[in-house]
N, C-alpha and C. Protein backbone atom coordinates (compact mmCIF):
# COMPACT_ATOMS: atom_id res chain seq x y z
N MET A 1 -39.93 8.59 -24.64
CA MET A 1 -39.19 7.81 -23.45
C MET A 1 -38.72 6.41 -24.19
N ARG A 2 -37.75 5.99 -23.76
CA ARG A 2 -37.18 4.67 -24.50
C ARG A 2 -37.83 3.57 -23.79
N MET A 3 -38.07 2.67 -24.43
CA MET A 3 -38.54 1.30 -23.74
C MET A 3 -37.43 0.55 -23.49
N THR A 4 -37.27 0.03 -22.34
CA THR A 4 -36.21 -0.95 -21.93
C THR A 4 -36.50 -2.43 -21.89
N THR A 5 -35.72 -3.15 -22.45
CA THR A 5 -36.04 -4.77 -22.34
C THR A 5 -34.65 -5.45 -21.95
N GLY A 6 -34.91 -6.57 -21.53
CA GLY A 6 -33.80 -7.26 -21.19
C GLY A 6 -33.64 -7.41 -19.61
N TRP A 7 -32.23 -7.48 -19.17
CA TRP A 7 -32.01 -7.61 -17.83
C TRP A 7 -32.21 -6.46 -17.06
N SER A 8 -32.02 -5.29 -17.61
CA SER A 8 -32.37 -3.84 -16.77
C SER A 8 -33.80 -3.88 -16.42
N SER A 9 -34.77 -4.18 -17.27
CA SER A 9 -36.08 -4.05 -16.94
C SER A 9 -36.59 -4.99 -16.05
N LEU A 10 -35.92 -6.32 -16.05
CA LEU A 10 -36.25 -7.33 -15.22
C LEU A 10 -35.70 -7.05 -13.81
N LEU A 11 -34.52 -6.55 -13.67
CA LEU A 11 -34.12 -6.08 -12.38
C LEU A 11 -34.40 -4.98 -11.74
N GLY A 12 -34.95 -4.10 -12.73
CA GLY A 12 -35.42 -2.76 -12.18
C GLY A 12 -34.32 -1.69 -12.13
N TYR A 13 -33.20 -1.94 -12.59
CA TYR A 13 -32.17 -0.93 -12.91
C TYR A 13 -32.11 -0.25 -14.16
N HIS A 14 -31.83 1.04 -14.21
CA HIS A 14 -31.66 1.63 -15.58
C HIS A 14 -30.09 1.83 -15.76
N ARG A 15 -29.96 1.42 -16.93
CA ARG A 15 -28.51 1.10 -17.26
C ARG A 15 -27.61 2.33 -17.06
N ASP A 16 -27.95 3.57 -17.73
CA ASP A 16 -26.99 4.77 -17.80
C ASP A 16 -26.97 5.40 -16.41
N PRO A 17 -27.92 5.62 -15.55
CA PRO A 17 -27.74 6.13 -14.21
C PRO A 17 -26.79 5.00 -13.27
N LEU A 18 -27.12 3.68 -13.54
CA LEU A 18 -26.33 2.86 -12.86
C LEU A 18 -24.89 2.85 -13.22
N ARG A 19 -24.59 2.98 -14.47
CA ARG A 19 -23.32 3.02 -14.94
C ARG A 19 -22.57 4.42 -14.36
N ARG A 20 -23.18 5.30 -14.28
CA ARG A 20 -22.81 6.75 -13.86
C ARG A 20 -22.43 6.41 -12.29
N PHE A 21 -23.39 5.90 -11.77
CA PHE A 21 -23.10 5.66 -10.14
C PHE A 21 -21.83 4.58 -9.94
N LEU A 22 -21.85 3.63 -10.70
CA LEU A 22 -20.66 2.92 -10.39
C LEU A 22 -19.30 3.43 -10.92
N LEU A 23 -19.36 4.04 -11.95
CA LEU A 23 -18.15 4.93 -12.56
C LEU A 23 -17.56 5.92 -11.41
N LEU A 24 -18.61 6.45 -10.60
CA LEU A 24 -18.28 7.47 -9.56
C LEU A 24 -17.98 6.83 -8.28
N SER A 25 -18.72 5.71 -7.84
CA SER A 25 -18.57 5.28 -6.49
C SER A 25 -17.23 4.33 -6.33
N LEU A 26 -17.07 3.54 -7.34
CA LEU A 26 -16.00 2.74 -7.07
C LEU A 26 -14.55 3.37 -6.97
N PRO A 27 -14.24 4.26 -7.87
CA PRO A 27 -12.99 4.96 -7.68
C PRO A 27 -12.99 5.81 -6.33
N LEU A 28 -14.11 6.53 -6.00
CA LEU A 28 -14.38 7.15 -4.94
C LEU A 28 -14.11 6.44 -3.62
N LEU A 29 -14.65 5.31 -3.45
CA LEU A 29 -14.43 4.44 -2.21
C LEU A 29 -13.12 3.95 -2.44
N ILE A 30 -12.40 3.63 -3.38
CA ILE A 30 -11.02 3.11 -3.30
C ILE A 30 -10.21 4.28 -2.91
N LEU A 31 -10.36 5.45 -3.39
CA LEU A 31 -9.70 6.63 -2.94
C LEU A 31 -9.87 6.86 -1.40
N ALA A 32 -11.02 6.78 -0.90
CA ALA A 32 -11.43 7.03 0.55
C ALA A 32 -10.70 5.98 1.38
N MET A 33 -10.67 4.76 0.90
CA MET A 33 -9.93 3.71 1.85
C MET A 33 -8.52 3.88 1.77
N ALA A 34 -8.00 4.33 0.60
CA ALA A 34 -6.52 4.51 0.65
C ALA A 34 -6.10 5.81 1.45
N LEU A 35 -6.77 6.90 1.35
CA LEU A 35 -6.58 7.98 2.01
C LEU A 35 -6.66 7.85 3.57
N PHE A 36 -7.81 7.02 3.91
CA PHE A 36 -7.93 6.66 5.43
C PHE A 36 -6.75 5.90 5.92
N HIS A 37 -6.32 4.86 5.20
CA HIS A 37 -5.20 4.15 5.71
C HIS A 37 -3.96 4.96 5.68
N PHE A 38 -3.85 5.85 4.77
CA PHE A 38 -2.60 6.69 4.76
C PHE A 38 -2.73 7.61 5.93
N ALA A 39 -3.94 8.15 6.32
CA ALA A 39 -3.99 9.06 7.41
C ALA A 39 -3.72 8.31 8.87
N LEU A 40 -4.07 7.20 8.81
CA LEU A 40 -3.76 6.32 10.15
C LEU A 40 -2.36 6.21 10.22
N ASP A 41 -1.65 5.84 9.06
CA ASP A 41 -0.19 5.63 9.23
C ASP A 41 0.46 6.96 9.53
N ALA A 42 0.05 8.07 8.92
CA ALA A 42 0.61 9.44 9.01
C ALA A 42 0.42 10.01 10.48
N LEU A 43 -0.67 9.60 11.19
CA LEU A 43 -0.97 10.11 12.42
C LEU A 43 -0.56 9.04 13.59
N GLY A 44 0.08 7.96 13.06
CA GLY A 44 0.58 7.03 14.09
C GLY A 44 -0.44 6.16 14.66
N LEU A 45 -1.51 6.08 14.00
CA LEU A 45 -2.80 5.30 14.65
C LEU A 45 -2.84 3.95 13.87
N ALA A 46 -2.15 3.71 13.16
CA ALA A 46 -2.02 2.39 12.31
C ALA A 46 -1.77 1.26 13.48
N PRO A 47 -2.22 0.15 13.37
CA PRO A 47 -1.93 -0.97 14.50
C PRO A 47 -0.64 -1.42 14.55
N ASN A 48 -0.06 -1.76 15.52
CA ASN A 48 1.16 -2.24 15.68
C ASN A 48 1.13 -3.83 15.45
N VAL A 49 1.79 -4.22 14.36
CA VAL A 49 1.71 -5.50 13.87
C VAL A 49 2.24 -6.62 14.97
N THR A 50 3.12 -6.14 15.79
CA THR A 50 3.55 -7.14 16.75
C THR A 50 2.49 -7.22 17.94
N ALA A 51 1.59 -6.42 18.02
CA ALA A 51 0.44 -6.60 18.91
C ALA A 51 -0.68 -7.34 18.60
N ILE A 52 -0.79 -7.39 17.08
CA ILE A 52 -1.95 -8.15 16.54
C ILE A 52 -1.68 -9.49 16.00
N SER A 53 -0.28 -9.74 16.05
CA SER A 53 0.03 -11.03 15.40
C SER A 53 1.09 -11.79 16.09
N VAL A 54 0.95 -12.89 16.42
CA VAL A 54 1.82 -13.58 17.21
C VAL A 54 3.23 -13.89 16.42
N ALA A 55 3.13 -14.28 15.21
CA ALA A 55 4.09 -14.43 14.22
C ALA A 55 4.71 -13.40 13.66
N GLY A 56 4.17 -12.17 13.80
CA GLY A 56 4.70 -10.91 13.10
C GLY A 56 3.94 -10.86 11.71
N ALA A 57 4.13 -9.68 11.13
CA ALA A 57 3.32 -9.38 9.89
C ALA A 57 4.26 -9.71 8.80
N ARG A 58 3.80 -10.22 7.70
CA ARG A 58 4.41 -10.27 6.42
C ARG A 58 4.25 -9.00 5.56
N VAL A 59 5.22 -8.74 4.82
CA VAL A 59 5.04 -7.51 3.85
C VAL A 59 4.30 -8.12 2.70
N LEU A 60 3.10 -7.57 2.38
CA LEU A 60 2.50 -8.01 1.23
C LEU A 60 2.71 -7.16 -0.06
N PRO A 61 2.61 -7.62 -1.27
CA PRO A 61 2.92 -6.95 -2.36
C PRO A 61 1.92 -5.68 -2.47
N PRO A 62 2.32 -4.69 -3.12
CA PRO A 62 1.64 -3.29 -3.14
C PRO A 62 0.30 -3.59 -3.74
N TRP A 63 0.05 -4.53 -4.63
CA TRP A 63 -1.22 -4.69 -5.35
C TRP A 63 -2.27 -5.26 -4.47
N VAL A 64 -1.83 -5.91 -3.42
CA VAL A 64 -2.91 -6.65 -2.53
C VAL A 64 -3.98 -5.58 -1.83
N PRO A 65 -3.46 -4.57 -1.31
CA PRO A 65 -4.50 -3.55 -0.61
C PRO A 65 -5.31 -2.95 -1.94
N LEU A 66 -4.88 -2.78 -3.02
CA LEU A 66 -5.56 -2.17 -4.14
C LEU A 66 -6.72 -3.15 -4.50
N VAL A 67 -6.40 -4.34 -4.76
CA VAL A 67 -7.35 -5.40 -5.02
C VAL A 67 -8.35 -5.69 -3.96
N THR A 68 -7.82 -5.58 -2.64
CA THR A 68 -8.89 -5.81 -1.59
C THR A 68 -9.85 -4.52 -1.44
N TRP A 69 -9.23 -3.27 -1.66
CA TRP A 69 -10.20 -2.12 -1.67
C TRP A 69 -11.19 -2.05 -2.76
N THR A 70 -10.62 -2.68 -3.92
CA THR A 70 -11.49 -2.82 -5.17
C THR A 70 -12.77 -3.77 -4.76
N LEU A 71 -12.45 -4.77 -4.24
CA LEU A 71 -13.49 -6.00 -3.83
C LEU A 71 -14.36 -5.27 -2.80
N GLU A 72 -13.83 -4.62 -1.75
CA GLU A 72 -14.61 -3.84 -0.86
C GLU A 72 -15.62 -2.80 -1.46
N SER A 73 -15.22 -2.16 -2.37
CA SER A 73 -15.77 -1.08 -3.04
C SER A 73 -16.94 -1.69 -3.83
N LEU A 74 -16.61 -2.68 -4.38
CA LEU A 74 -17.74 -3.45 -5.29
C LEU A 74 -18.81 -3.98 -4.31
N GLY A 75 -18.47 -4.56 -3.26
CA GLY A 75 -19.49 -5.11 -2.44
C GLY A 75 -20.16 -4.16 -1.75
N LEU A 76 -19.47 -2.89 -1.37
CA LEU A 76 -20.27 -1.92 -0.65
C LEU A 76 -21.24 -1.20 -1.53
N SER A 77 -20.84 -1.09 -2.89
CA SER A 77 -21.55 -0.45 -4.01
C SER A 77 -23.02 -1.52 -3.97
N ALA A 78 -22.80 -2.78 -4.26
CA ALA A 78 -23.81 -3.69 -4.40
C ALA A 78 -24.81 -3.69 -3.19
N LEU A 79 -24.27 -3.55 -2.10
CA LEU A 79 -24.98 -3.68 -0.93
C LEU A 79 -25.95 -2.40 -0.81
N PHE A 80 -25.26 -1.08 -1.35
CA PHE A 80 -26.01 0.05 -1.11
C PHE A 80 -27.13 0.06 -2.15
N LEU A 81 -26.91 -0.48 -3.44
CA LEU A 81 -27.84 -0.53 -4.38
C LEU A 81 -29.20 -1.59 -3.78
N LEU A 82 -28.94 -2.53 -3.21
CA LEU A 82 -30.00 -3.34 -2.65
C LEU A 82 -30.75 -2.77 -1.65
N ILE A 83 -30.21 -1.90 -0.67
CA ILE A 83 -30.90 -1.20 0.31
C ILE A 83 -31.44 -0.06 -0.23
N TYR A 84 -30.81 0.56 -1.00
CA TYR A 84 -31.42 1.98 -1.69
C TYR A 84 -32.66 1.55 -2.57
N GLY A 85 -32.62 0.43 -3.20
CA GLY A 85 -33.70 -0.04 -4.07
C GLY A 85 -35.01 -0.32 -3.04
N ARG A 86 -34.89 -0.55 -1.83
CA ARG A 86 -35.99 -0.76 -0.95
C ARG A 86 -36.61 0.46 -0.20
N ASN A 87 -35.71 1.42 0.06
CA ASN A 87 -36.15 2.62 0.79
C ASN A 87 -36.17 3.91 0.17
N SER A 88 -35.43 4.12 -0.77
CA SER A 88 -35.28 5.30 -1.46
C SER A 88 -34.83 6.61 -0.87
N MET A 89 -34.05 6.43 0.36
CA MET A 89 -33.66 7.37 1.18
C MET A 89 -32.01 7.21 1.09
N SER A 90 -31.28 7.95 0.34
CA SER A 90 -29.97 7.63 0.02
C SER A 90 -29.00 7.84 1.20
N TRP A 91 -29.22 8.88 2.11
CA TRP A 91 -28.31 8.94 3.37
C TRP A 91 -28.65 8.00 4.23
N LEU A 92 -29.70 7.44 4.36
CA LEU A 92 -30.09 6.23 5.31
C LEU A 92 -29.56 5.18 4.69
N SER A 93 -29.68 4.71 3.42
CA SER A 93 -29.28 3.65 2.76
C SER A 93 -27.69 3.67 2.96
N GLY A 94 -27.01 4.72 2.67
CA GLY A 94 -25.52 4.80 2.82
C GLY A 94 -25.12 4.49 4.24
N LEU A 95 -25.65 5.08 5.29
CA LEU A 95 -25.26 4.65 6.54
C LEU A 95 -25.70 3.14 6.93
N LEU A 96 -26.68 2.62 6.58
CA LEU A 96 -27.07 1.29 6.75
C LEU A 96 -25.99 0.40 6.00
N THR A 97 -25.78 0.75 4.79
CA THR A 97 -24.70 0.00 4.06
C THR A 97 -23.34 -0.12 4.89
N GLY A 98 -22.89 0.97 5.30
CA GLY A 98 -21.54 1.07 6.03
C GLY A 98 -21.79 0.24 7.35
N TRP A 99 -22.62 0.30 8.15
CA TRP A 99 -22.63 -0.26 9.31
C TRP A 99 -22.99 -1.61 9.19
N ILE A 100 -23.78 -2.12 8.21
CA ILE A 100 -23.98 -3.54 7.95
C ILE A 100 -22.48 -4.31 7.62
N ALA A 101 -21.86 -3.51 6.64
CA ALA A 101 -20.46 -3.99 6.32
C ALA A 101 -19.74 -4.10 7.50
N TRP A 102 -19.79 -3.02 8.27
CA TRP A 102 -18.72 -3.09 9.43
C TRP A 102 -19.14 -4.30 10.44
N VAL A 103 -20.23 -4.61 10.67
CA VAL A 103 -20.45 -5.63 11.52
C VAL A 103 -19.66 -7.02 11.14
N PHE A 104 -19.55 -7.12 9.83
CA PHE A 104 -18.78 -8.22 9.42
C PHE A 104 -17.26 -8.08 9.41
N ARG A 105 -16.84 -6.87 9.27
CA ARG A 105 -15.56 -6.49 9.10
C ARG A 105 -15.01 -6.12 10.64
N GLY A 106 -15.86 -5.70 11.52
CA GLY A 106 -15.50 -5.31 12.94
C GLY A 106 -15.74 -6.30 13.88
N PRO A 107 -16.84 -6.31 14.61
CA PRO A 107 -17.01 -7.28 15.73
C PRO A 107 -16.88 -8.71 15.32
N LEU A 108 -17.45 -9.12 14.40
CA LEU A 108 -17.56 -10.51 13.96
C LEU A 108 -16.02 -11.11 13.65
N LEU A 109 -15.25 -10.07 13.00
CA LEU A 109 -13.97 -10.45 12.65
C LEU A 109 -13.02 -10.46 13.90
N VAL A 110 -13.34 -9.47 14.69
CA VAL A 110 -12.51 -9.52 16.14
C VAL A 110 -12.89 -10.73 16.84
N VAL A 111 -14.10 -10.99 17.03
CA VAL A 111 -14.34 -12.25 17.98
C VAL A 111 -13.81 -13.36 17.19
N SER A 112 -13.79 -13.54 15.96
CA SER A 112 -13.32 -14.72 15.23
C SER A 112 -11.76 -14.86 15.38
N VAL A 113 -11.09 -13.70 14.98
CA VAL A 113 -9.59 -13.77 15.10
C VAL A 113 -9.07 -13.93 16.59
N VAL A 114 -9.70 -13.14 17.39
CA VAL A 114 -9.21 -13.23 18.81
C VAL A 114 -9.54 -14.59 19.42
N GLY A 115 -10.73 -15.09 19.17
CA GLY A 115 -11.07 -16.31 19.84
C GLY A 115 -10.23 -17.45 19.22
N ILE A 116 -9.93 -17.54 17.95
CA ILE A 116 -9.34 -18.67 17.32
C ILE A 116 -7.81 -18.53 17.55
N ALA A 117 -7.26 -17.31 17.36
CA ALA A 117 -5.74 -17.22 17.49
C ALA A 117 -5.17 -16.93 18.87
N GLY A 118 -6.21 -16.57 19.91
CA GLY A 118 -5.84 -16.34 21.22
C GLY A 118 -5.12 -15.13 21.43
N LEU A 119 -5.30 -14.17 20.54
CA LEU A 119 -4.62 -12.99 20.62
C LEU A 119 -5.25 -11.96 21.47
N PRO A 120 -4.51 -10.86 22.05
CA PRO A 120 -5.11 -9.89 22.83
C PRO A 120 -6.19 -9.09 22.17
N PRO A 121 -7.27 -8.90 22.76
CA PRO A 121 -8.45 -8.25 21.99
C PRO A 121 -8.31 -6.74 21.84
N ALA A 122 -7.61 -6.05 22.65
CA ALA A 122 -7.58 -4.64 22.75
C ALA A 122 -7.01 -3.96 21.38
N PRO A 123 -5.96 -4.44 20.85
CA PRO A 123 -5.81 -3.74 19.37
C PRO A 123 -6.68 -4.02 18.38
N TRP A 124 -7.20 -5.35 18.45
CA TRP A 124 -8.21 -5.53 17.31
C TRP A 124 -9.51 -4.70 17.70
N TRP A 125 -9.97 -4.37 18.79
CA TRP A 125 -11.17 -3.60 19.06
C TRP A 125 -10.72 -2.16 18.64
N SER A 126 -9.51 -1.76 18.94
CA SER A 126 -9.22 -0.38 18.40
C SER A 126 -9.38 -0.30 16.79
N MET A 127 -8.98 -1.35 16.18
CA MET A 127 -8.96 -1.41 14.61
C MET A 127 -10.35 -1.42 14.20
N ALA A 128 -11.26 -2.09 14.97
CA ALA A 128 -12.76 -2.35 14.83
C ALA A 128 -13.28 -0.90 14.70
N PHE A 129 -12.95 -0.05 15.64
CA PHE A 129 -13.63 1.14 15.80
C PHE A 129 -13.20 1.97 14.73
N SER A 130 -11.85 1.94 14.18
CA SER A 130 -11.46 2.77 12.97
C SER A 130 -12.09 2.28 11.80
N TRP A 131 -12.35 1.00 11.75
CA TRP A 131 -13.04 0.44 10.53
C TRP A 131 -14.49 1.03 10.67
N TRP A 132 -15.14 1.20 11.80
CA TRP A 132 -16.60 1.73 11.84
C TRP A 132 -16.67 3.22 11.22
N VAL A 133 -15.56 3.96 11.66
CA VAL A 133 -15.30 5.31 11.11
C VAL A 133 -15.36 5.22 9.43
N LEU A 134 -14.45 4.33 8.95
CA LEU A 134 -14.16 4.25 7.52
C LEU A 134 -15.48 3.81 6.80
N TYR A 135 -16.02 2.89 7.48
CA TYR A 135 -17.38 2.32 6.82
C TYR A 135 -18.57 3.46 6.73
N THR A 136 -18.53 4.14 7.69
CA THR A 136 -19.48 5.14 7.96
C THR A 136 -19.28 6.35 6.81
N ILE A 137 -17.93 6.63 6.66
CA ILE A 137 -17.69 7.54 5.61
C ILE A 137 -17.95 7.04 4.27
N CYS A 138 -17.71 5.79 4.21
CA CYS A 138 -17.81 5.19 2.77
C CYS A 138 -19.47 5.20 2.55
N GLY A 139 -20.11 4.85 3.39
CA GLY A 139 -21.60 4.83 3.20
C GLY A 139 -22.13 6.18 2.80
N LEU A 140 -21.69 7.20 3.50
CA LEU A 140 -22.13 8.60 3.12
C LEU A 140 -21.47 9.02 1.78
N LEU A 141 -20.34 8.52 1.42
CA LEU A 141 -19.91 8.79 0.13
C LEU A 141 -20.84 7.97 -1.02
N LEU A 142 -21.29 6.89 -0.65
CA LEU A 142 -22.19 6.21 -1.61
C LEU A 142 -23.51 6.99 -1.75
N ALA A 143 -23.99 7.56 -0.74
CA ALA A 143 -25.21 8.32 -0.76
C ALA A 143 -24.90 9.57 -1.68
N GLY A 144 -23.78 10.20 -1.57
CA GLY A 144 -23.47 11.22 -2.26
C GLY A 144 -23.16 10.89 -3.83
N ALA A 145 -22.61 9.81 -4.01
CA ALA A 145 -22.49 9.23 -5.36
C ALA A 145 -23.75 9.09 -6.07
N ALA A 146 -24.70 8.49 -5.39
CA ALA A 146 -26.17 8.38 -5.98
C ALA A 146 -26.70 9.66 -6.26
N ALA A 147 -26.56 10.59 -5.44
CA ALA A 147 -27.19 11.92 -5.60
C ALA A 147 -26.51 12.51 -6.89
N ALA A 148 -25.15 12.61 -6.90
CA ALA A 148 -24.41 13.18 -8.08
C ALA A 148 -24.75 12.57 -9.38
N ALA A 149 -24.93 11.13 -9.22
CA ALA A 149 -25.11 10.34 -10.67
C ALA A 149 -26.62 10.32 -10.92
N SER A 150 -27.48 11.15 -9.99
CA SER A 150 -28.84 11.15 -10.28
C SER A 150 -29.50 9.76 -10.43
N TYR A 151 -29.00 8.86 -9.58
CA TYR A 151 -29.39 7.64 -9.58
C TYR A 151 -30.73 7.56 -8.58
N GLN A 152 -31.86 7.09 -9.18
CA GLN A 152 -33.16 6.84 -8.38
C GLN A 152 -33.44 5.37 -8.55
N PRO A 153 -33.82 4.70 -7.55
CA PRO A 153 -34.28 3.16 -7.52
C PRO A 153 -35.56 3.11 -8.38
């Protein structure tokens, strides 16, 4: 058995399983988010931009969603590692990760945006529910990635 020194031993993470987990989870989450948004668009369930914005929507460069999904994936993976390190139950950790993240992306965002901008709340609550579905899926994918990478806290 190899002795570990440095940050990995201080933080309690083993470098190789952690690397495998991150190399699997980050692209998996980015792909899941992209496919989810593609499915919403294909099924006609994507939000109507005139209903959620007074000024209308601007067209963002195509790299913006990719960077956003990458940042979300990194945040979800880090949150999963924090929760999983405490309870060692991957599926529960995954669900808790998704639902904790959803609280900030769902209800708190809706209340903030609707309250500050004075927009109609109905389309925002619809988006919040779809985000709940997405984050639940992402949490379960994180649990599966931890199992596939043989990651143990």
